[in-house]
Amino acid sequence: MATNIKRSSFDQFGYVHGPLKWAIAFTASLGAILEVIDTSIVNVALTDIQASLGATVSEVGWVVTGYAIANVVLIPLSAWLGDYFGRKTYFIFSLIGFTLASVLCGLAFNLPMLVFSRILQGLCGGGLLAKAQAILFETFPPAEQGLAQAVFGVGVIAGPAIGPTLGGFLVDGLGWRWIFFVNIPFGIVAVAMSFMFLPKDKDKSETQSQAVDWFGIGFLVIAIGCMQTLLEEGEKEDWFSSGFITTLAIASIIGLGLFIWYELKIDHPAVDLRVLRHRSLAAGSVLSAVVGMGLYGTLFAVPIFAQSVLHFTATQTGLLLAPGALASAIVMVLLGKLSSKIDARFLIAMGAVGSSGVMFQLAAITPQTEYR
């Protein structure tokens, strides 16, 4: 079967025709889904991890925050890393690193080891989502991009909601360590499929002969790392009454300013901010940030609220979020068909209004809120 798939043809623009394009789409999506699910699968296990490792609520939050910081730092660098090392090479390296880091997370014997392992997992997983989408754009012709992104989106959008559901069953049935061990077989399959189906890297690119933008990378790490730490620790430290939080805020602002200035100044930046001159890309980036805060913020806060205040089990908490996963999967498939017939701006506007309404509803939940 693999031989027949590989016999698919390529057109003059490099787009794939035949079964191979779907094998590539499934391979890329599997890697991205692993990364996305791990952003939320931990949420339903935080209470169990806290009890098992003897941590406070704020300390166990670093299991999520460490992964998020590493993700946020690596994602902007993923385009440069893919060009420097080769898209296939970098994607496979990220998959292997992500899988090995998952093993370390499952074997962690204390909280510092678990947080360190989660940071490694986030660093390796940071490139999977962006590289998977780039691979799809290079594989499918423009006429099929909507369908390809819908297939990709089923897992990526539904993943954050699937994670807690899957995590709830694993935590109650096998223990919290299995939310990490479950990545091993899927990671191995994804690596094997990547070797088999992803197209070979192109010859040495111009990027590989350029000097590494260490200053840009350093400024990015300072800006994002300090900002994320500020947001995580701010409430516990009483915000700007704390010298530590004030220092983080100043470092974040200076780091961000230097990062933007330096990346716009040099010819070959690690993160090409000049692309934001395109209005649609800039607007899409802002919208992604807002939707991301609502989506991931909710998927962090609601499970903790359900378990700590409403005293749900991990399984009950996972099932609470399951309808969202199913709805996302169904709508993404429908949008793959509708995106070529209805103005995408209208669909985006509908989604934005609907998401806003849901956030206002969730803001009103109390200890008296019913399960339904």
Protein backbone atom coordinates (compact mmCIF):
# COMPACT_ATOMS: atom_id res chain seq x y z
CA MET A 1 0.00 0.00 0.00
CA ALA A 2 2.85 2.38 0.86
CA THR A 3 4.39 1.70 -2.54
CA ASN A 4 1.14 2.58 -4.33
CA ILE A 5 0.81 5.76 -2.29
CA LYS A 6 4.32 6.86 -3.19
CA ARG A 7 3.53 6.49 -6.90
CA SER A 8 1.35 9.60 -6.73
CA SER A 9 2.36 12.35 -9.13
CA PHE A 10 3.63 15.91 -8.64
CA ASP A 11 2.59 18.81 -10.86
CA GLN A 12 4.84 21.60 -12.15
CA PHE A 13 4.26 23.67 -9.00
CA GLY A 14 5.23 20.80 -6.68
CA TYR A 15 1.69 20.03 -5.49
CA VAL A 16 0.87 16.35 -4.93
CA HIS A 17 -1.86 14.49 -6.82
CA GLY A 18 -3.09 11.06 -5.75
CA PRO A 19 -3.26 9.13 -2.45
CA LEU A 20 0.11 10.47 -1.25
CA LYS A 21 -1.32 13.90 -0.47
CA TRP A 22 -3.76 12.38 2.01
CA ALA A 23 -1.02 10.25 3.58
CA ILE A 24 1.02 13.44 4.04
CA ALA A 25 -2.02 15.27 5.44
CA PHE A 26 -2.70 12.50 7.97
CA THR A 27 0.98 12.33 8.98
CA ALA A 28 1.29 16.08 9.49
CA SER A 29 -2.05 16.26 11.31
CA LEU A 30 -1.14 13.41 13.66
CA GLY A 31 1.98 15.24 14.79
CA ALA A 32 0.03 18.47 15.29
CA ILE A 33 -2.78 16.71 17.17
CA LEU A 34 -0.29 15.17 19.63
CA GLU A 35 1.07 18.63 20.39
CA VAL A 36 -2.33 20.31 20.71
CA ILE A 37 -3.91 17.62 22.88
CA ASP A 38 -1.02 17.88 25.34
CA THR A 39 -1.85 21.54 25.92
CA SER A 40 -5.10 20.52 27.59
CA ILE A 41 -4.92 16.83 28.55
CA VAL A 42 -2.98 17.76 31.70
CA ASN A 43 -5.71 20.08 32.97
CA VAL A 44 -7.96 17.34 34.37
CA ALA A 45 -4.96 15.69 36.07
CA LEU A 46 -3.66 18.75 37.94
CA THR A 47 -5.51 17.85 41.14
CA ASP A 48 -4.09 14.29 41.10
CA ILE A 49 -0.57 15.54 40.24
CA GLN A 50 -0.82 18.08 43.06
CA ALA A 51 -1.72 15.37 45.59
CA SER A 52 0.82 12.87 44.24
CA LEU A 53 3.81 15.24 44.19
CA GLY A 54 2.84 17.37 47.20
CA ALA A 55 2.50 20.68 45.35
CA THR A 56 0.31 23.75 45.84
CA VAL A 57 -2.20 24.95 43.23
CA SER A 58 0.13 27.72 42.03
CA GLU A 59 3.11 25.34 41.88
CA VAL A 60 1.28 22.65 39.91
CA GLY A 61 0.17 25.36 37.48
CA TRP A 62 3.74 25.41 36.19
CA VAL A 63 3.12 21.99 34.64
CA VAL A 64 0.87 23.85 32.19
CA THR A 65 2.74 27.15 32.16
CA GLY A 66 6.18 25.64 31.47
CA TYR A 67 4.81 23.85 28.42
CA ALA A 68 3.03 27.01 27.25
CA ILE A 69 6.13 29.23 27.57
CA ALA A 70 8.26 26.75 25.62
CA ASN A 71 5.56 26.48 22.95
CA VAL A 72 5.17 30.23 22.59
CA VAL A 73 8.93 30.78 22.27
CA LEU A 74 9.42 28.04 19.65
CA ILE A 75 6.41 28.64 17.41
CA PRO A 76 7.68 31.97 16.00
CA LEU A 77 11.07 30.34 15.36
CA SER A 78 9.66 27.25 13.64
CA ALA A 79 9.75 28.76 10.12
CA TRP A 80 13.44 29.62 10.46
CA LEU A 81 14.30 26.26 12.06
CA GLY A 82 12.47 24.41 9.27
CA ASP A 83 14.42 26.30 6.62
CA TYR A 84 17.74 25.90 8.45
CA PHE A 85 17.58 22.17 9.15
CA GLY A 86 15.08 21.08 6.48
CA ARG A 87 11.33 20.80 7.00
CA LYS A 88 11.21 16.98 7.12
CA THR A 89 14.31 16.71 9.33
CA TYR A 90 13.03 19.28 11.80
CA PHE A 91 9.54 17.76 11.89
CA ILE A 92 10.89 14.26 12.61
CA PHE A 93 13.35 15.59 15.21
CA SER A 94 10.48 17.40 16.94
CA LEU A 95 8.34 14.25 16.95
CA ILE A 96 11.13 12.11 18.44
CA GLY A 97 11.96 14.76 21.05
CA PHE A 98 8.29 15.19 21.95
CA THR A 99 7.84 11.44 22.42
CA LEU A 100 10.98 11.06 24.58
CA ALA A 101 9.98 14.09 26.66
CA SER A 102 6.57 12.44 27.22
CA VAL A 103 8.37 9.43 28.68
CA LEU A 104 10.30 11.70 31.07
CA CYS A 105 7.04 13.40 32.12
CA GLY A 106 5.47 10.03 32.94
CA LEU A 107 8.53 8.96 34.96
CA ALA A 108 8.84 12.23 36.92
CA PHE A 109 9.34 11.61 40.64
CA ASN A 110 8.96 15.22 41.78
CA LEU A 111 7.47 18.49 40.55
CA PRO A 112 10.72 20.13 39.32
CA MET A 113 11.46 17.09 37.13
CA LEU A 114 7.92 17.13 35.75
CA VAL A 115 8.06 20.88 34.96
CA PHE A 116 11.50 20.48 33.31
CA SER A 117 10.21 17.56 31.23
CA ARG A 118 7.13 19.56 30.22
CA ILE A 119 9.36 22.43 29.08
CA LEU A 120 11.33 19.97 26.91
CA GLN A 121 8.05 18.61 25.59
CA GLY A 122 6.89 22.14 24.76
CA LEU A 123 10.16 23.01 23.03
CA CYS A 124 9.97 19.91 20.84
CA GLY A 125 6.24 20.24 20.22
CA GLY A 126 6.38 23.94 19.40
CA GLY A 127 7.35 23.31 15.79
CA LEU A 128 4.89 20.50 15.10
CA LEU A 129 1.78 22.65 14.70
CA ALA A 130 3.34 25.32 12.47
CA LYS A 131 5.35 22.85 10.39
CA ALA A 132 2.34 20.59 9.89
CA GLN A 133 0.34 23.48 8.45
CA ALA A 134 3.25 24.55 6.24
CA ILE A 135 3.54 20.99 4.91
CA LEU A 136 -0.17 21.00 3.99
CA PHE A 137 0.12 24.33 2.16
CA GLU A 138 2.97 22.94 0.06
CA THR A 139 1.19 19.63 -0.62
CA PHE A 140 -2.34 20.64 -1.66
CA PRO A 141 -3.13 22.88 -4.66
CA PRO A 142 -4.98 26.17 -3.90
CA ALA A 143 -8.35 24.74 -4.98
CA GLU A 144 -8.13 22.06 -2.27
CA GLN A 145 -6.68 24.19 0.53
CA GLY A 146 -10.06 24.66 2.22
CA LEU A 147 -10.69 20.92 2.43
CA ALA A 148 -7.12 20.23 3.57
CA GLN A 149 -7.34 22.83 6.33
CA ALA A 150 -10.71 21.42 7.41
CA VAL A 151 -9.23 17.93 7.78
CA PHE A 152 -6.30 19.44 9.67
CA GLY A 153 -8.61 21.60 11.77
CA VAL A 154 -10.81 18.71 12.94
CA GLY A 155 -7.95 17.49 15.10
CA VAL A 156 -6.30 20.79 15.92
CA ILE A 157 -9.47 22.64 16.94
CA ALA A 158 -11.16 19.67 18.59
CA GLY A 159 -7.89 18.55 20.21
CA PRO A 160 -8.01 20.94 23.18
CA ALA A 161 -11.46 19.58 24.08
CA ILE A 162 -10.60 15.94 23.31
CA GLY A 163 -7.60 16.18 25.64
CA PRO A 164 -9.51 16.59 28.92
CA THR A 165 -12.01 13.86 27.93
CA LEU A 166 -9.24 11.38 27.16
CA GLY A 167 -7.26 12.56 30.16
CA GLY A 168 -10.21 12.02 32.50
CA PHE A 169 -10.56 8.36 31.53
CA LEU A 170 -6.80 7.77 31.80
CA VAL A 171 -6.44 9.50 35.17
CA ASP A 172 -9.35 7.65 36.79
CA GLY A 173 -8.54 4.32 35.14
CA LEU A 174 -4.74 4.13 35.08
CA GLY A 175 -3.31 7.14 36.91
CA TRP A 176 -2.05 10.58 35.85
CA ARG A 177 1.25 9.28 34.43
CA TRP A 178 -0.61 7.60 31.57
CA ILE A 179 -1.68 10.94 30.10
CA PHE A 180 1.99 11.14 29.02
CA PHE A 181 2.67 7.47 28.29
CA VAL A 182 -0.27 7.39 25.83
CA ASN A 183 1.84 9.60 23.51
CA ILE A 184 4.45 6.87 23.01
CA PRO A 185 2.67 4.55 20.51
CA PHE A 186 1.19 7.48 18.56
CA GLY A 187 4.56 9.23 18.50
CA ILE A 188 6.26 6.11 17.12
CA VAL A 189 3.59 5.75 14.41
CA ALA A 190 3.92 9.44 13.48
CA VAL A 191 7.72 9.16 13.18
CA ALA A 192 7.46 6.04 11.00
CA MET A 193 4.88 7.69 8.73
CA SER A 194 7.01 10.84 8.48
CA PHE A 195 9.98 8.82 7.23
CA MET A 196 7.77 7.01 4.72
CA PHE A 197 5.56 9.76 3.29
CA LEU A 198 6.94 13.26 3.85
CA PRO A 199 8.83 14.58 0.81
CA LYS A 200 12.61 14.80 1.06
CA ASP A 201 14.19 18.06 2.15
CA LYS A 202 15.40 20.30 -0.63
CA ASP A 203 19.07 20.99 -1.23
CA LYS A 204 20.93 23.25 1.16
CA SER A 205 19.06 26.54 1.32
CA GLU A 206 20.31 30.07 1.60
CA THR A 207 19.14 30.10 5.22
CA GLN A 208 21.67 27.43 6.20
CA SER A 209 24.58 29.60 5.07
CA GLN A 210 23.40 32.63 7.06
CA ALA A 211 24.49 33.50 10.58
CA VAL A 212 22.11 32.47 13.34
CA ASP A 213 20.11 35.40 14.73
CA TRP A 214 21.09 34.79 18.34
CA PHE A 215 20.18 38.32 19.47
CA GLY A 216 16.68 38.05 18.05
CA ILE A 217 16.17 34.63 19.66
CA GLY A 218 17.49 35.95 22.98
CA PHE A 219 15.23 39.01 22.98
CA LEU A 220 12.24 36.81 22.12
CA VAL A 221 12.96 34.43 25.00
CA ILE A 222 13.29 37.35 27.45
CA ALA A 223 10.11 39.08 26.26
CA ILE A 224 7.85 36.03 26.13
CA GLY A 225 9.35 34.21 29.13
CA CYS A 226 9.05 37.24 31.42
CA MET A 227 5.56 38.10 30.21
CA GLN A 228 4.26 34.56 30.73
CA THR A 229 5.84 34.35 34.19
CA LEU A 230 4.34 37.74 35.10
CA LEU A 231 0.86 36.57 34.12
CA GLU A 232 1.28 33.27 35.99
CA GLU A 233 2.72 34.64 39.22
CA GLY A 234 1.14 38.13 39.28
CA GLU A 235 -1.92 37.37 41.37
CA LYS A 236 0.02 35.35 43.95
CA GLU A 237 2.57 38.17 44.32
CA ASP A 238 -0.11 40.92 44.48
CA TRP A 239 0.89 42.23 41.08
CA PHE A 240 2.93 45.44 40.97
CA SER A 241 3.29 45.73 44.73
CA SER A 242 5.93 43.03 44.24
CA GLY A 243 9.41 44.02 43.07
CA PHE A 244 9.72 40.65 41.31
CA ILE A 245 6.62 41.25 39.18
CA THR A 246 7.66 44.82 38.42
CA THR A 247 11.08 43.61 37.28
CA LEU A 248 9.46 41.00 35.03
CA ALA A 249 7.19 43.65 33.49
CA ILE A 250 10.10 46.00 32.75
CA ALA A 251 12.21 43.13 31.32
CA SER A 252 9.31 41.97 29.15
CA ILE A 253 8.65 45.46 27.73
CA ILE A 254 12.34 46.11 27.06
CA GLY A 255 12.82 42.63 25.58
CA LEU A 256 9.80 43.02 23.30
CA GLY A 257 10.89 46.47 22.15
CA LEU A 258 14.43 45.28 21.40
CA PHE A 259 13.09 42.19 19.65
CA ILE A 260 10.82 44.19 17.31
CA TRP A 261 13.54 46.80 16.62
CA TYR A 262 16.24 44.23 15.92
CA GLU A 263 14.12 41.91 13.78
CA LEU A 264 13.04 44.82 11.57
CA LYS A 265 16.61 46.07 11.35
CA ILE A 266 18.53 43.02 10.11
CA ASP A 267 18.25 41.41 6.67
CA HIS A 268 17.72 37.81 7.80
CA PRO A 269 15.76 37.75 11.09
CA ALA A 270 14.81 34.60 12.98
CA VAL A 271 11.21 35.86 12.96
CA ASP A 272 10.26 37.90 9.91
CA LEU A 273 7.90 40.52 11.34
CA ARG A 274 7.74 42.31 7.98
CA VAL A 275 5.06 39.87 6.81
CA LEU A 276 2.61 41.62 9.14
CA ARG A 277 2.47 44.47 6.61
CA HIS A 278 -0.13 42.29 4.87
CA ARG A 279 -3.44 43.39 6.39
CA SER A 280 -5.15 40.00 6.28
CA LEU A 281 -2.24 38.25 8.00
CA ALA A 282 -2.04 40.93 10.71
CA ALA A 283 -5.80 40.71 11.33
CA GLY A 284 -5.66 36.92 11.40
CA SER A 285 -2.83 37.00 13.95
CA VAL A 286 -4.79 39.30 16.26
CA LEU A 287 -7.90 37.14 15.93
CA SER A 288 -5.88 33.98 16.64
CA ALA A 289 -4.50 35.57 19.81
CA VAL A 290 -7.96 36.55 21.08
CA VAL A 291 -9.51 33.16 20.24
CA GLY A 292 -6.50 31.38 21.76
CA MET A 293 -6.86 33.27 25.06
CA GLY A 294 -10.56 32.42 25.24
CA LEU A 295 -10.17 28.80 24.17
CA TYR A 296 -7.13 27.79 26.21
CA GLY A 297 -8.00 30.01 29.16
CA THR A 298 -11.40 28.34 29.42
CA LEU A 299 -9.93 24.87 29.03
CA PHE A 300 -7.57 25.59 31.93
CA ALA A 301 -10.04 27.31 34.28
CA VAL A 302 -13.17 25.17 33.81
CA PRO A 303 -11.60 21.76 34.66
CA ILE A 304 -9.98 23.16 37.82
CA PHE A 305 -13.29 24.82 38.81
CA ALA A 306 -15.25 21.63 38.13
CA GLN A 307 -12.91 19.45 40.19
CA SER A 308 -12.04 21.84 43.01
CA VAL A 309 -15.41 23.57 43.53
CA LEU A 310 -18.01 21.21 42.06
CA HIS A 311 -16.04 18.08 43.09
CA PHE A 312 -16.28 16.32 39.73
CA THR A 313 -14.08 13.33 39.01
CA ALA A 314 -11.53 13.55 36.18
CA THR A 315 -13.84 11.47 33.97
CA GLN A 316 -16.85 13.68 34.68
CA THR A 317 -14.77 16.77 33.93
CA GLY A 318 -13.61 15.27 30.65
CA LEU A 319 -17.17 14.40 29.63
CA LEU A 320 -18.21 17.97 30.50
CA LEU A 321 -15.93 19.19 27.70
CA ALA A 322 -16.68 16.39 25.22
CA PRO A 323 -19.65 18.11 23.49
CA GLY A 324 -17.36 20.97 22.51
CA ALA A 325 -14.94 18.55 20.88
CA LEU A 326 -17.73 16.87 18.90
CA ALA A 327 -19.21 20.20 17.83
CA SER A 328 -15.81 21.45 16.66
CA ALA A 329 -15.17 18.32 14.62
CA ILE A 330 -18.57 18.47 12.90
CA VAL A 331 -18.39 22.19 12.11
CA MET A 332 -14.82 21.96 10.77
CA VAL A 333 -15.90 19.29 8.27
CA LEU A 334 -18.85 21.45 7.18
CA LEU A 335 -16.63 24.52 6.85
CA GLY A 336 -14.35 22.59 4.50
CA LYS A 337 -17.27 22.50 2.07
CA LEU A 338 -18.65 25.97 2.84
CA SER A 339 -15.38 27.91 2.71
CA SER A 340 -15.33 27.85 -1.10
CA LYS A 341 -18.98 29.01 -1.34
CA ILE A 342 -19.35 31.58 1.46
CA ASP A 343 -17.13 34.59 2.13
CA ALA A 344 -14.62 33.51 4.78
CA ARG A 345 -14.93 36.91 6.49
CA PHE A 346 -18.61 36.23 7.16
CA LEU A 347 -17.81 32.81 8.66
CA ILE A 348 -15.08 34.33 10.83
CA ALA A 349 -17.43 37.08 12.04
CA MET A 350 -20.09 34.50 12.98
CA GLY A 351 -17.52 32.48 14.89
CA ALA A 352 -16.20 35.55 16.70
CA VAL A 353 -19.68 36.67 17.81
CA GLY A 354 -20.58 33.14 18.91
CA SER A 355 -17.33 32.73 20.88
CA SER A 356 -17.89 36.07 22.61
CA GLY A 357 -21.37 35.01 23.65
CA VAL A 358 -20.09 31.76 25.12
CA MET A 359 -17.41 33.60 27.13
CA PHE A 360 -20.04 35.90 28.67
CA GLN A 361 -22.13 32.84 29.61
CA LEU A 362 -19.18 31.05 31.20
CA ALA A 363 -18.29 34.18 33.19
CA ALA A 364 -21.54 33.70 35.13
CA ILE A 365 -20.88 30.17 36.45
CA THR A 366 -21.03 29.73 40.24
CA PRO A 367 -20.86 26.82 42.71
CA GLN A 368 -24.63 26.50 42.18
CA THR A 369 -24.29 25.98 38.41
CA GLU A 370 -25.83 22.66 37.33
CA TYR A 371 -23.97 20.00 35.37
CA ARG A 372 -26.24 20.39 32.36
